[in-house]
Protein backbone atom coordinates (compact mmCIF):
# COMPACT_ATOMS: atom_id res chain seq x y z
CA MET A 1 -36.47 109.35 79.77
CA THR A 2 -33.41 111.57 80.17
CA ARG A 3 -32.30 113.17 83.37
CA PRO A 4 -31.93 116.93 83.60
CA ASP A 5 -28.45 118.28 83.09
CA LEU A 6 -26.44 119.08 86.18
CA PRO A 7 -24.63 122.40 86.58
CA ARG A 8 -21.12 122.34 85.12
CA LEU A 9 -19.15 122.18 88.38
CA VAL A 10 -21.54 119.63 89.91
CA GLU A 11 -21.08 117.34 86.91
CA GLN A 12 -17.32 117.91 87.00
CA THR A 13 -17.19 117.00 90.69
CA ARG A 14 -19.32 113.90 90.06
CA ALA A 15 -16.97 112.83 87.28
CA LEU A 16 -13.94 113.39 89.54
CA LEU A 17 -15.56 111.26 92.24
CA LEU A 18 -16.09 108.43 89.75
CA LEU A 19 -12.54 108.78 88.42
CA GLN A 20 -11.16 108.71 91.93
CA MET A 21 -13.27 105.66 92.75
CA TYR A 22 -11.77 103.70 89.84
CA MET A 23 -8.25 104.91 90.67
CA THR A 24 -8.68 103.83 94.29
CA VAL A 25 -9.82 100.39 93.17
CA LEU A 26 -6.68 100.09 91.01
CA VAL A 27 -4.46 101.18 93.90
CA LEU A 28 -6.24 98.66 96.11
CA PHE A 29 -5.62 95.92 93.55
CA PHE A 30 -1.90 96.66 93.40
CA MET A 31 -1.68 96.92 97.18
CA THR A 32 -3.29 93.49 97.38
CA LEU A 33 -0.53 92.12 95.20
CA LEU A 34 2.10 93.82 97.34
CA MET A 35 0.48 92.72 100.59
CA ARG A 36 1.61 89.14 100.11
CA PHE A 37 5.23 90.18 99.90
CA LEU A 38 5.23 92.96 102.46
CA THR A 39 3.28 91.29 105.26
CA SER A 40 5.29 88.09 105.05
CA SER A 41 8.47 89.96 105.91
CA ALA A 42 9.03 91.26 109.42
CA MET A 43 7.78 94.81 109.02
CA GLY A 44 6.64 95.47 112.60
CA ALA A 45 4.75 98.75 112.88
CA ARG A 46 5.04 99.38 109.14
CA GLY A 47 2.99 96.25 108.48
CA ASP A 48 0.24 97.51 110.79
CA ARG A 49 0.24 100.86 109.00
CA PHE A 50 -0.05 99.06 105.68
CA VAL A 51 -3.10 97.11 106.88
CA VAL A 52 -4.81 100.27 108.16
CA ILE A 53 -4.25 102.01 104.82
CA PHE A 54 -5.46 98.91 102.99
CA VAL A 55 -8.70 98.66 104.99
CA THR A 56 -9.37 102.38 104.59
CA LEU A 57 -8.77 102.12 100.85
CA ALA A 58 -11.27 99.26 100.71
CA CYS A 59 -14.02 101.49 102.14
CA ILE A 60 -13.31 104.66 100.14
CA PRO A 61 -14.47 103.44 96.68
CA VAL A 62 -17.84 102.43 98.12
CA ALA A 63 -18.34 105.88 99.64
CA LEU A 64 -17.19 107.60 96.44
CA GLY A 65 -19.54 105.52 94.30
CA LEU A 66 -22.51 106.19 96.58
CA SER A 67 -21.80 109.90 96.69
CA ALA A 68 -21.53 110.09 92.88
CA MET A 69 -24.89 108.32 92.61
CA LEU A 70 -26.46 110.71 95.12
CA PHE A 71 -24.90 113.67 93.27
CA ARG A 72 -26.93 112.71 90.22
CA ARG A 73 -30.11 112.77 92.30
CA GLY A 74 -29.24 116.09 93.94
CA TRP A 75 -29.35 114.82 97.52
CA ALA A 76 -27.42 116.78 100.15
CA LEU A 77 -26.37 113.46 101.70
CA GLY A 78 -24.24 112.92 98.56
CA TRP A 79 -22.34 116.14 99.25
CA MET A 80 -21.70 115.16 102.88
CA LEU A 81 -20.65 111.63 101.93
CA ALA A 82 -18.32 113.03 99.27
CA LEU A 83 -16.77 115.35 101.86
CA VAL A 84 -16.09 112.47 104.27
CA ALA A 85 -14.71 110.26 101.46
CA GLU A 86 -12.46 113.04 100.17
CA LEU A 87 -11.09 113.78 103.63
CA ALA A 88 -10.39 110.08 104.15
CA THR A 89 -8.70 109.92 100.74
CA LEU A 90 -6.51 112.90 101.56
CA VAL A 91 -5.50 111.39 104.90
CA VAL A 92 -4.56 108.10 103.23
CA ALA A 93 -2.71 109.87 100.41
CA ILE A 94 -0.76 112.07 102.81
CA ALA A 95 0.05 109.09 105.04
CA SER A 96 1.23 107.17 101.97
CA ILE A 97 3.33 110.04 100.65
CA LEU A 98 4.97 110.67 104.03
CA GLY A 99 5.31 106.97 104.83
CA PRO A 100 6.97 104.01 103.17
CA PHE A 101 4.44 103.73 100.34
CA ALA A 102 5.17 106.96 98.50
CA GLY A 103 4.48 106.69 94.82
CA LEU A 104 2.84 108.20 91.82
CA ALA A 105 -0.56 106.69 92.66
CA ALA A 106 -0.63 108.38 96.08
CA ILE A 107 0.31 111.71 94.53
CA ILE A 108 -2.39 111.39 91.86
CA LEU A 109 -4.99 110.47 94.50
CA PHE A 110 -3.91 113.50 96.51
CA VAL A 111 -4.24 115.85 93.53
CA VAL A 112 -7.63 114.51 92.39
CA GLY A 113 -8.90 114.44 95.99
CA SER A 114 -7.79 118.03 96.57
CA TRP A 115 -9.42 119.16 93.33
CA SER A 116 -12.67 117.42 94.27
CA LEU A 117 -12.57 118.91 97.76
CA VAL A 118 -12.10 122.41 96.35
CA ASN A 119 -15.03 121.83 93.97
CA LEU A 120 -17.26 120.73 96.84
CA PHE A 121 -16.90 124.14 98.47
CA ARG A 122 -17.50 126.21 95.33
CA ALA A 123 -20.64 128.33 95.40
CA GLU A 124 -22.29 126.63 92.41
CA VAL A 125 -22.00 123.18 93.98
CA ARG A 126 -23.13 124.28 97.44
CA ARG A 127 -26.07 126.17 95.93
CA PHE A 128 -27.13 123.06 94.00
CA PHE A 129 -27.29 120.94 97.15
CA PHE A 130 -28.27 123.39 99.86
CA GLY A 131 -30.43 125.88 98.01
């Protein structure tokens, strides 16, 4: 049995959520490799900031994956969960860009997160979830 097709922008947003989930997992993997080197040195407050970003990044892919699954089912909870996950992603990306961990991955997460956030507030997507 096949599922009904989603509206174009809803499917695009769902695909962006999945893409961002996989990208966040990759960033988390590389941060895990860096954590061994960075936390062993005396970083002080920067080490605490790194751990906060790391823990937040560990939770974001779960929320993105759940929201993409709920998008497919058309549940409004998926839209709200995606909104919270995108805002958390943008906060982490901005903190990384402005902090000591600036890099291409943070910029890409910021761009994809912004694009997804804009899509969440488009009329077609809101109409799909909230009538």
